Amino acid sequence: MRIKGKIQGRDYDLSKEEVEERMRGVEPEPIRKYYVEINGRKYPIKQVVAKCLGLDPIQFTSAYAYRILSRLGFKVKKIES
């Protein structure tokens, strides 16, 4: 399944498999609140979207990242406090 959209005036077209491939070998940043598991590792959702779309994380909100990753079939989780 592919999803298409626009973020900060930039079009994207992405699949779950592409996300998994682009995150292979990427070191996870510290998780503040929300994360997804990709290739057996936990990543902050904004790190994943920023890496996959070539954006700076400041250019979009966590809500955008949540929506994109959820639509691709990733289970977004919240860290336990």
N, C-alpha and C. Protein backbone atom coordinates (compact mmCIF):
# COMPACT_ATOMS: atom_id res chain seq x y z
N MET A 1 0.84 -1.19 0.00
CA MET A 1 0.00 0.00 0.00
C MET A 1 0.88 1.25 0.00
N ARG A 2 0.49 2.22 -0.79
CA ARG A 2 1.21 3.49 -0.87
C ARG A 2 0.29 4.59 -0.39
N ILE A 3 0.89 5.61 0.21
CA ILE A 3 0.13 6.79 0.56
C ILE A 3 0.78 7.99 -0.12
N LYS A 4 -0.06 8.94 -0.46
CA LYS A 4 0.41 10.18 -1.09
C LYS A 4 -0.13 11.34 -0.29
N GLY A 5 0.62 12.42 -0.28
CA GLY A 5 0.17 13.60 0.43
C GLY A 5 1.10 14.76 0.18
N LYS A 6 0.90 15.80 0.97
CA LYS A 6 1.71 17.00 0.86
C LYS A 6 2.01 17.48 2.26
N ILE A 7 3.27 17.84 2.49
CA ILE A 7 3.68 18.36 3.78
C ILE A 7 4.64 19.52 3.51
N GLN A 8 4.33 20.66 4.07
CA GLN A 8 5.10 21.88 3.85
C GLN A 8 5.27 22.18 2.36
N GLY A 9 4.19 21.99 1.59
CA GLY A 9 4.21 22.28 0.16
C GLY A 9 4.96 21.26 -0.67
N ARG A 10 5.38 20.20 -0.05
CA ARG A 10 6.18 19.18 -0.75
C ARG A 10 5.38 17.89 -0.86
N ASP A 11 5.24 17.37 -2.08
CA ASP A 11 4.50 16.14 -2.31
C ASP A 11 5.32 14.94 -1.84
N TYR A 12 4.63 13.93 -1.33
CA TYR A 12 5.30 12.67 -1.00
C TYR A 12 4.46 11.51 -1.47
N ASP A 13 5.13 10.40 -1.71
CA ASP A 13 4.54 9.15 -2.14
C ASP A 13 5.38 8.07 -1.47
N LEU A 14 4.79 7.32 -0.55
CA LEU A 14 5.58 6.48 0.33
C LEU A 14 4.87 5.16 0.61
N SER A 15 5.65 4.10 0.80
CA SER A 15 5.11 2.81 1.20
C SER A 15 5.77 2.37 2.51
N LYS A 16 5.16 1.43 3.19
CA LYS A 16 5.70 0.91 4.44
C LYS A 16 7.07 0.28 4.19
N GLU A 17 7.21 -0.43 3.09
CA GLU A 17 8.48 -1.08 2.76
C GLU A 17 9.59 -0.06 2.54
N GLU A 18 9.26 1.06 1.93
CA GLU A 18 10.26 2.12 1.72
C GLU A 18 10.72 2.71 3.06
N VAL A 19 9.78 2.89 3.97
CA VAL A 19 10.13 3.39 5.30
C VAL A 19 11.08 2.41 5.99
N GLU A 20 10.75 1.13 5.95
CA GLU A 20 11.61 0.12 6.58
C GLU A 20 13.01 0.12 5.97
N GLU A 21 13.09 0.26 4.67
CA GLU A 21 14.39 0.27 3.99
C GLU A 21 15.18 1.54 4.34
N ARG A 22 14.53 2.68 4.31
CA ARG A 22 15.23 3.95 4.60
C ARG A 22 15.71 4.04 6.04
N MET A 23 15.07 3.33 6.95
CA MET A 23 15.46 3.38 8.36
C MET A 23 16.50 2.31 8.72
N ARG A 24 16.79 1.41 7.80
CA ARG A 24 17.75 0.35 8.06
C ARG A 24 19.12 0.98 8.35
N GLY A 25 19.70 0.63 9.50
CA GLY A 25 21.02 1.13 9.87
C GLY A 25 21.03 2.51 10.49
N VAL A 26 19.86 3.15 10.63
CA VAL A 26 19.78 4.48 11.23
C VAL A 26 19.71 4.35 12.74
N GLU A 27 20.54 5.09 13.44
CA GLU A 27 20.53 5.07 14.91
C GLU A 27 19.32 5.84 15.43
N PRO A 28 18.55 5.23 16.33
CA PRO A 28 17.39 5.94 16.89
C PRO A 28 17.82 7.11 17.79
N GLU A 29 17.09 8.19 17.68
CA GLU A 29 17.28 9.33 18.56
C GLU A 29 16.50 9.06 19.85
N PRO A 30 16.75 9.83 20.91
CA PRO A 30 15.97 9.64 22.14
C PRO A 30 14.47 9.85 21.89
N ILE A 31 13.67 9.02 22.51
CA ILE A 31 12.21 9.11 22.37
C ILE A 31 11.66 9.99 23.47
N ARG A 32 10.88 10.98 23.06
CA ARG A 32 10.27 11.87 24.04
C ARG A 32 8.87 11.41 24.42
N LYS A 33 8.06 11.08 23.44
CA LYS A 33 6.68 10.71 23.74
C LYS A 33 6.16 9.56 22.87
N TYR A 34 6.23 9.71 21.55
CA TYR A 34 5.67 8.70 20.65
C TYR A 34 6.77 8.03 19.83
N TYR A 35 6.54 6.73 19.55
CA TYR A 35 7.52 5.99 18.77
C TYR A 35 6.84 4.91 17.93
N VAL A 36 7.61 4.40 16.97
CA VAL A 36 7.20 3.24 16.19
C VAL A 36 8.36 2.26 16.19
N GLU A 37 8.03 1.00 16.06
CA GLU A 37 9.06 -0.03 15.95
C GLU A 37 9.25 -0.37 14.47
N ILE A 38 10.50 -0.23 14.03
CA ILE A 38 10.85 -0.52 12.64
C ILE A 38 12.11 -1.37 12.65
N ASN A 39 12.07 -2.49 11.98
CA ASN A 39 13.22 -3.39 11.91
C ASN A 39 13.75 -3.74 13.30
N GLY A 40 12.84 -3.91 14.27
CA GLY A 40 13.21 -4.31 15.61
C GLY A 40 13.77 -3.20 16.50
N ARG A 41 13.69 -1.96 16.03
CA ARG A 41 14.21 -0.82 16.81
C ARG A 41 13.10 0.20 17.01
N LYS A 42 13.17 0.93 18.13
CA LYS A 42 12.18 1.96 18.43
C LYS A 42 12.71 3.33 18.01
N TYR A 43 11.90 4.03 17.20
CA TYR A 43 12.27 5.35 16.70
C TYR A 43 11.22 6.38 17.05
N PRO A 44 11.64 7.61 17.36
CA PRO A 44 10.66 8.70 17.51
C PRO A 44 9.95 8.90 16.17
N ILE A 45 8.67 9.15 16.21
CA ILE A 45 7.91 9.24 14.96
C ILE A 45 8.39 10.39 14.07
N LYS A 46 8.78 11.51 14.65
CA LYS A 46 9.25 12.63 13.83
C LYS A 46 10.59 12.31 13.16
N GLN A 47 11.45 11.53 13.80
CA GLN A 47 12.71 11.14 13.18
C GLN A 47 12.45 10.32 11.92
N VAL A 48 11.50 9.40 12.01
CA VAL A 48 11.20 8.53 10.88
C VAL A 48 10.68 9.34 9.70
N VAL A 49 9.71 10.19 9.94
CA VAL A 49 9.13 10.98 8.85
C VAL A 49 10.16 11.94 8.28
N ALA A 50 10.94 12.58 9.13
CA ALA A 50 11.98 13.51 8.66
C ALA A 50 12.97 12.79 7.75
N LYS A 51 13.44 11.62 8.18
CA LYS A 51 14.41 10.85 7.40
C LYS A 51 13.82 10.39 6.07
N CYS A 52 12.60 9.89 6.11
CA CYS A 52 11.99 9.33 4.90
C CYS A 52 11.58 10.39 3.89
N LEU A 53 11.26 11.58 4.36
CA LEU A 53 10.80 12.63 3.44
C LEU A 53 11.84 13.72 3.21
N GLY A 54 13.00 13.61 3.87
CA GLY A 54 14.05 14.59 3.66
C GLY A 54 13.70 15.96 4.21
N LEU A 55 12.99 15.99 5.32
CA LEU A 55 12.57 17.25 5.95
C LEU A 55 13.27 17.43 7.28
N ASP A 56 13.29 18.67 7.74
CA ASP A 56 13.75 18.96 9.09
C ASP A 56 12.55 18.75 10.01
N PRO A 57 12.74 18.10 11.15
CA PRO A 57 11.60 17.83 12.05
C PRO A 57 10.84 19.09 12.48
N ILE A 58 11.47 20.23 12.44
CA ILE A 58 10.79 21.47 12.83
C ILE A 58 9.72 21.87 11.81
N GLN A 59 9.78 21.28 10.61
CA GLN A 59 8.87 21.65 9.53
C GLN A 59 7.48 21.02 9.64
N PHE A 60 7.27 20.10 10.59
CA PHE A 60 5.97 19.45 10.71
C PHE A 60 5.72 19.06 12.16
N THR A 61 4.49 18.79 12.47
CA THR A 61 4.12 18.43 13.84
C THR A 61 4.11 16.91 14.03
N SER A 62 4.07 16.50 15.28
CA SER A 62 3.95 15.08 15.59
C SER A 62 2.64 14.51 15.05
N ALA A 63 1.61 15.35 15.00
CA ALA A 63 0.32 14.90 14.46
C ALA A 63 0.45 14.47 13.00
N TYR A 64 1.22 15.22 12.20
CA TYR A 64 1.46 14.82 10.80
C TYR A 64 2.19 13.49 10.76
N ALA A 65 3.24 13.36 11.59
CA ALA A 65 4.02 12.13 11.61
C ALA A 65 3.13 10.95 12.01
N TYR A 66 2.32 11.16 13.04
CA TYR A 66 1.41 10.12 13.52
C TYR A 66 0.47 9.68 12.39
N ARG A 67 -0.10 10.63 11.71
CA ARG A 67 -1.06 10.33 10.63
C ARG A 67 -0.38 9.55 9.50
N ILE A 68 0.79 10.00 9.07
CA ILE A 68 1.49 9.33 7.98
C ILE A 68 1.83 7.89 8.35
N LEU A 69 2.44 7.70 9.50
CA LEU A 69 2.87 6.36 9.91
C LEU A 69 1.69 5.43 10.18
N SER A 70 0.63 5.95 10.76
CA SER A 70 -0.57 5.14 10.99
C SER A 70 -1.20 4.69 9.68
N ARG A 71 -1.28 5.61 8.73
CA ARG A 71 -1.85 5.26 7.42
C ARG A 71 -1.03 4.19 6.71
N LEU A 72 0.27 4.14 6.99
CA LEU A 72 1.12 3.13 6.38
C LEU A 72 1.01 1.78 7.10
N GLY A 73 0.35 1.76 8.25
CA GLY A 73 0.16 0.50 8.97
C GLY A 73 1.08 0.30 10.15
N PHE A 74 1.86 1.33 10.50
CA PHE A 74 2.70 1.22 11.69
C PHE A 74 1.85 1.51 12.92
N LYS A 75 2.15 0.81 14.00
CA LYS A 75 1.48 1.02 15.27
C LYS A 75 2.28 2.06 16.05
N VAL A 76 1.70 3.26 16.21
CA VAL A 76 2.35 4.32 16.96
C VAL A 76 2.05 4.10 18.43
N LYS A 77 3.11 4.08 19.24
CA LYS A 77 2.96 3.82 20.68
C LYS A 77 3.46 5.01 21.48
N LYS A 78 2.97 5.12 22.70
CA LYS A 78 3.37 6.19 23.61
C LYS A 78 4.23 5.57 24.70
N ILE A 79 5.35 6.23 25.02
CA ILE A 79 6.20 5.67 26.08
C ILE A 79 5.48 5.76 27.41
N GLU A 80 5.74 4.80 28.24
CA GLU A 80 5.14 4.77 29.58
C GLU A 80 5.91 5.71 30.48
N SER A 81 5.21 6.54 31.23
CA SER A 81 5.87 7.49 32.13
C SER A 81 6.22 6.83 33.44
